[in-house]
């Protein structure tokens, strides 16, 4: 009798997982940001919203994570040690990721309009000027990009 109950419990749990639509499944977000405070802030607020979040502290780490792929959204700083965000975008188009990634959103500072334009031309879906967004606004923007 115990085996039968465990079997039906397994089937019920499995079917509820397999019936979840994409919106219900946990989204993976990559945050490539060298400023430790900002990276940790973004990681914390996005984890609190239920996202699976991975952080990268420099361009090389960011590229390697993007190369593995499987992210629903990537927040990519432009000014990074080891490899800047534009170089990452160029390199990732030359060597596609192992698993597809979702949208890339550029994280920039004020006065980087030409760099932002280049990032958009390389496939980024948008940008956020870091100093213009409160943590709640970052969460709202992330949700917006994930539903596009």
C-alpha atoms as a PDB file:
ATOM      1  CA  UNK A   1       0.000   0.000   0.000  1.00  0.00           C
ATOM      2  CA  UNK A   2       2.844   2.430   0.828  1.00  0.00           C
ATOM      3  CA  UNK A   3       4.382   2.084  -2.641  1.00  0.00           C
ATOM      4  CA  UNK A   4       1.100   2.912  -4.335  1.00  0.00           C
ATOM      5  CA  UNK A   5       0.651   6.077  -2.241  1.00  0.00           C
ATOM      6  CA  UNK A   6       4.221   7.189  -2.950  1.00  0.00           C
ATOM      7  CA  UNK A   7       3.717   6.503  -6.659  1.00  0.00           C
ATOM      8  CA  UNK A   8       0.572   8.663  -6.826  1.00  0.00           C
ATOM      9  CA  UNK A   9       2.258  11.394  -4.781  1.00  0.00           C
ATOM     10  CA  UNK A  10       5.168  11.353  -7.236  1.00  0.00           C
ATOM     11  CA  UNK A  11       2.806  11.513 -10.238  1.00  0.00           C
ATOM     12  CA  UNK A  12       0.837  14.411  -8.711  1.00  0.00           C
ATOM     13  CA  UNK A  13       4.009  16.395  -7.951  1.00  0.00           C
ATOM     14  CA  UNK A  14       5.539  15.646 -11.355  1.00  0.00           C
ATOM     15  CA  UNK A  15       2.399  16.631 -13.242  1.00  0.00           C
ATOM     16  CA  UNK A  16       2.080  19.909 -11.360  1.00  0.00           C
ATOM     17  CA  UNK A  17       5.684  20.745 -12.258  1.00  0.00           C
ATOM     18  CA  UNK A  18       5.380  19.764 -15.895  1.00  0.00           C
ATOM     19  CA  UNK A  19       2.167  21.743 -16.295  1.00  0.00           C
ATOM     20  CA  UNK A  20       3.708  25.006 -15.126  1.00  0.00           C
ATOM     21  CA  UNK A  21       3.872  27.544 -17.895  1.00  0.00           C
ATOM     22  CA  UNK A  22       7.016  29.554 -18.582  1.00  0.00           C
ATOM     23  CA  UNK A  23       5.784  32.540 -16.556  1.00  0.00           C
ATOM     24  CA  UNK A  24       5.536  30.338 -13.455  1.00  0.00           C
ATOM     25  CA  UNK A  25       8.996  28.812 -13.774  1.00  0.00           C
ATOM     26  CA  UNK A  26      11.917  30.470 -11.999  1.00  0.00           C
ATOM     27  CA  UNK A  27      13.695  32.945 -14.267  1.00  0.00           C
ATOM     28  CA  UNK A  28      17.505  33.082 -14.288  1.00  0.00           C
ATOM     29  CA  UNK A  29      19.138  36.499 -14.311  1.00  0.00           C
ATOM     30  CA  UNK A  30      22.820  37.290 -14.756  1.00  0.00           C
ATOM     31  CA  UNK A  31      24.119  40.542 -13.233  1.00  0.00           C
ATOM     32  CA  UNK A  32      27.508  41.589 -14.643  1.00  0.00           C
ATOM     33  CA  UNK A  33      28.578  44.517 -12.464  1.00  0.00           C
ATOM     34  CA  UNK A  34      32.022  45.290 -11.039  1.00  0.00           C
ATOM     35  CA  UNK A  35      30.816  47.672  -8.333  1.00  0.00           C
ATOM     36  CA  UNK A  36      30.419  45.266  -5.413  1.00  0.00           C
ATOM     37  CA  UNK A  37      27.750  47.283  -3.605  1.00  0.00           C
ATOM     38  CA  UNK A  38      25.528  47.558  -6.684  1.00  0.00           C
ATOM     39  CA  UNK A  39      26.046  43.932  -7.701  1.00  0.00           C
ATOM     40  CA  UNK A  40      25.124  42.689  -4.228  1.00  0.00           C
ATOM     41  CA  UNK A  41      22.139  45.046  -4.079  1.00  0.00           C
ATOM     42  CA  UNK A  42      20.808  43.825  -7.443  1.00  0.00           C
ATOM     43  CA  UNK A  43      21.399  40.194  -6.458  1.00  0.00           C
ATOM     44  CA  UNK A  44      19.539  40.639  -3.187  1.00  0.00           C
ATOM     45  CA  UNK A  45      16.510  42.517  -4.500  1.00  0.00           C
ATOM     46  CA  UNK A  46      16.076  40.133  -7.439  1.00  0.00           C
ATOM     47  CA  UNK A  47      16.456  37.028  -5.249  1.00  0.00           C
ATOM     48  CA  UNK A  48      13.828  38.516  -2.922  1.00  0.00           C
ATOM     49  CA  UNK A  49      11.485  38.653  -5.932  1.00  0.00           C
ATOM     50  CA  UNK A  50      11.972  34.926  -6.495  1.00  0.00           C
ATOM     51  CA  UNK A  51      14.462  35.002  -9.355  1.00  0.00           C
ATOM     52  CA  UNK A  52      17.503  32.773  -9.589  1.00  0.00           C
ATOM     53  CA  UNK A  53      20.344  35.303  -9.805  1.00  0.00           C
ATOM     54  CA  UNK A  54      24.004  34.887 -10.693  1.00  0.00           C
ATOM     55  CA  UNK A  55      26.579  37.642 -10.272  1.00  0.00           C
ATOM     56  CA  UNK A  56      29.788  38.317 -12.185  1.00  0.00           C
ATOM     57  CA  UNK A  57      32.374  40.825 -10.929  1.00  0.00           C
ATOM     58  CA  UNK A  58      34.236  41.460 -14.189  1.00  0.00           C
ATOM     59  CA  UNK A  59      33.909  41.114 -17.939  1.00  0.00           C
ATOM     60  CA  UNK A  60      35.703  37.799 -18.134  1.00  0.00           C
ATOM     61  CA  UNK A  61      33.391  36.181 -15.550  1.00  0.00           C
ATOM     62  CA  UNK A  62      30.417  37.758 -17.283  1.00  0.00           C
ATOM     63  CA  UNK A  63      31.402  36.467 -20.712  1.00  0.00           C
ATOM     64  CA  UNK A  64      32.016  32.952 -19.366  1.00  0.00           C
ATOM     65  CA  UNK A  65      28.584  32.901 -17.716  1.00  0.00           C
ATOM     66  CA  UNK A  66      26.927  34.276 -20.863  1.00  0.00           C
ATOM     67  CA  UNK A  67      28.772  31.653 -22.945  1.00  0.00           C
ATOM     68  CA  UNK A  68      27.268  28.868 -20.822  1.00  0.00           C
ATOM     69  CA  UNK A  69      23.878  30.513 -21.375  1.00  0.00           C
ATOM     70  CA  UNK A  70      20.451  29.704 -20.080  1.00  0.00           C
ATOM     71  CA  UNK A  71      19.685  33.153 -18.670  1.00  0.00           C
ATOM     72  CA  UNK A  72      16.277  34.761 -19.126  1.00  0.00           C
ATOM     73  CA  UNK A  73      17.797  38.237 -18.727  1.00  0.00           C
ATOM     74  CA  UNK A  74      21.304  39.683 -18.508  1.00  0.00           C
ATOM     75  CA  UNK A  75      22.068  43.018 -16.849  1.00  0.00           C
ATOM     76  CA  UNK A  76      25.426  44.028 -18.338  1.00  0.00           C
ATOM     77  CA  UNK A  77      27.564  46.904 -17.115  1.00  0.00           C
ATOM     78  CA  UNK A  78      29.608  48.678 -19.782  1.00  0.00           C
ATOM     79  CA  UNK A  79      32.698  49.711 -17.806  1.00  0.00           C
ATOM     80  CA  UNK A  80      34.196  46.466 -16.490  1.00  0.00           C
ATOM     81  CA  UNK A  81      37.692  45.196 -15.681  1.00  0.00           C
ATOM     82  CA  UNK A  82      39.247  42.522 -17.936  1.00  0.00           C
ATOM     83  CA  UNK A  83      36.658  42.965 -20.733  1.00  0.00           C
ATOM     84  CA  UNK A  84      34.151  45.786 -21.213  1.00  0.00           C
ATOM     85  CA  UNK A  85      30.473  45.212 -21.919  1.00  0.00           C
ATOM     86  CA  UNK A  86      30.714  46.150 -25.605  1.00  0.00           C
ATOM     87  CA  UNK A  87      33.540  43.637 -26.123  1.00  0.00           C
ATOM     88  CA  UNK A  88      31.403  40.994 -24.412  1.00  0.00           C
ATOM     89  CA  UNK A  89      28.500  41.699 -26.772  1.00  0.00           C
ATOM     90  CA  UNK A  90      30.801  41.502 -29.800  1.00  0.00           C
ATOM     91  CA  UNK A  91      32.424  38.283 -28.613  1.00  0.00           C
ATOM     92  CA  UNK A  92      29.131  36.566 -27.719  1.00  0.00           C
ATOM     93  CA  UNK A  93      27.786  37.215 -31.239  1.00  0.00           C
ATOM     94  CA  UNK A  94      30.938  35.627 -32.696  1.00  0.00           C
ATOM     95  CA  UNK A  95      30.754  32.574 -30.411  1.00  0.00           C
ATOM     96  CA  UNK A  96      27.105  31.827 -29.577  1.00  0.00           C
ATOM     97  CA  UNK A  97      26.288  30.507 -26.088  1.00  0.00           C
ATOM     98  CA  UNK A  98      25.873  26.807 -25.306  1.00  0.00           C
ATOM     99  CA  UNK A  99      22.243  27.465 -24.285  1.00  0.00           C
ATOM    100  CA  UNK A 100      20.252  30.450 -25.599  1.00  0.00           C
ATOM    101  CA  UNK A 101      20.069  33.580 -23.464  1.00  0.00           C
ATOM    102  CA  UNK A 102      17.241  36.058 -23.216  1.00  0.00           C
ATOM    103  CA  UNK A 103      17.531  39.816 -23.498  1.00  0.00           C
ATOM    104  CA  UNK A 104      20.601  41.838 -22.584  1.00  0.00           C
ATOM    105  CA  UNK A 105      20.042  45.162 -20.831  1.00  0.00           C
ATOM    106  CA  UNK A 106      22.947  47.568 -20.562  1.00  0.00           C
ATOM    107  CA  UNK A 107      23.760  49.127 -17.201  1.00  0.00           C
ATOM    108  CA  UNK A 108      25.385  52.495 -17.828  1.00  0.00           C
ATOM    109  CA  UNK A 109      26.461  55.723 -16.243  1.00  0.00           C
ATOM    110  CA  UNK A 110      25.486  59.192 -17.365  1.00  0.00           C
ATOM    111  CA  UNK A 111      26.980  60.474 -20.607  1.00  0.00           C
ATOM    112  CA  UNK A 112      27.482  57.163 -22.386  1.00  0.00           C
ATOM    113  CA  UNK A 113      24.968  57.691 -25.203  1.00  0.00           C
ATOM    114  CA  UNK A 114      27.314  56.576 -28.008  1.00  0.00           C
ATOM    115  CA  UNK A 115      28.279  53.422 -26.087  1.00  0.00           C
ATOM    116  CA  UNK A 116      24.619  52.644 -25.376  1.00  0.00           C
ATOM    117  CA  UNK A 117      23.817  53.063 -29.077  1.00  0.00           C
ATOM    118  CA  UNK A 118      26.619  50.658 -29.974  1.00  0.00           C
ATOM    119  CA  UNK A 119      25.319  48.139 -27.433  1.00  0.00           C
ATOM    120  CA  UNK A 120      21.816  48.353 -28.903  1.00  0.00           C
ATOM    121  CA  UNK A 121      23.256  47.817 -32.391  1.00  0.00           C
ATOM    122  CA  UNK A 122      24.977  44.674 -31.050  1.00  0.00           C
ATOM    123  CA  UNK A 123      21.693  43.217 -29.809  1.00  0.00           C
ATOM    124  CA  UNK A 124      21.015  44.719 -26.380  1.00  0.00           C
ATOM    125  CA  UNK A 125      17.273  45.271 -25.890  1.00  0.00           C
ATOM    126  CA  UNK A 126      17.593  48.389 -23.768  1.00  0.00           C
ATOM    127  CA  UNK A 127      19.523  50.181 -21.080  1.00  0.00           C
ATOM    128  CA  UNK A 128      19.264  51.538 -17.572  1.00  0.00           C
ATOM    129  CA  UNK A 129      21.252  54.488 -16.253  1.00  0.00           C
ATOM    130  CA  UNK A 130      22.195  53.127 -12.834  1.00  0.00           C
ATOM    131  CA  UNK A 131      21.936  56.426 -10.966  1.00  0.00           C
ATOM    132  CA  UNK A 132      18.369  56.998 -12.226  1.00  0.00           C
ATOM    133  CA  UNK A 133      16.828  53.858 -10.663  1.00  0.00           C
ATOM    134  CA  UNK A 134      15.821  53.004  -7.129  1.00  0.00           C
ATOM    135  CA  UNK A 135      15.894  49.301  -6.193  1.00  0.00           C
ATOM    136  CA  UNK A 136      12.095  49.071  -6.641  1.00  0.00           C
ATOM    137  CA  UNK A 137      12.385  50.631 -10.095  1.00  0.00           C
ATOM    138  CA  UNK A 138      15.104  48.132 -11.048  1.00  0.00           C
ATOM    139  CA  UNK A 139      12.744  45.285 -10.107  1.00  0.00           C
ATOM    140  CA  UNK A 140       9.951  46.872 -12.176  1.00  0.00           C
ATOM    141  CA  UNK A 141      12.243  47.239 -15.194  1.00  0.00           C
ATOM    142  CA  UNK A 142      13.455  43.655 -14.867  1.00  0.00           C
ATOM    143  CA  UNK A 143       9.852  42.430 -14.800  1.00  0.00           C
ATOM    144  CA  UNK A 144       9.088  44.525 -17.891  1.00  0.00           C
ATOM    145  CA  UNK A 145      12.051  43.111 -19.835  1.00  0.00           C
ATOM    146  CA  UNK A 146      11.152  39.557 -18.823  1.00  0.00           C
ATOM    147  CA  UNK A 147       7.638  39.941 -20.237  1.00  0.00           C
ATOM    148  CA  UNK A 148       8.764  41.361 -23.599  1.00  0.00           C
END
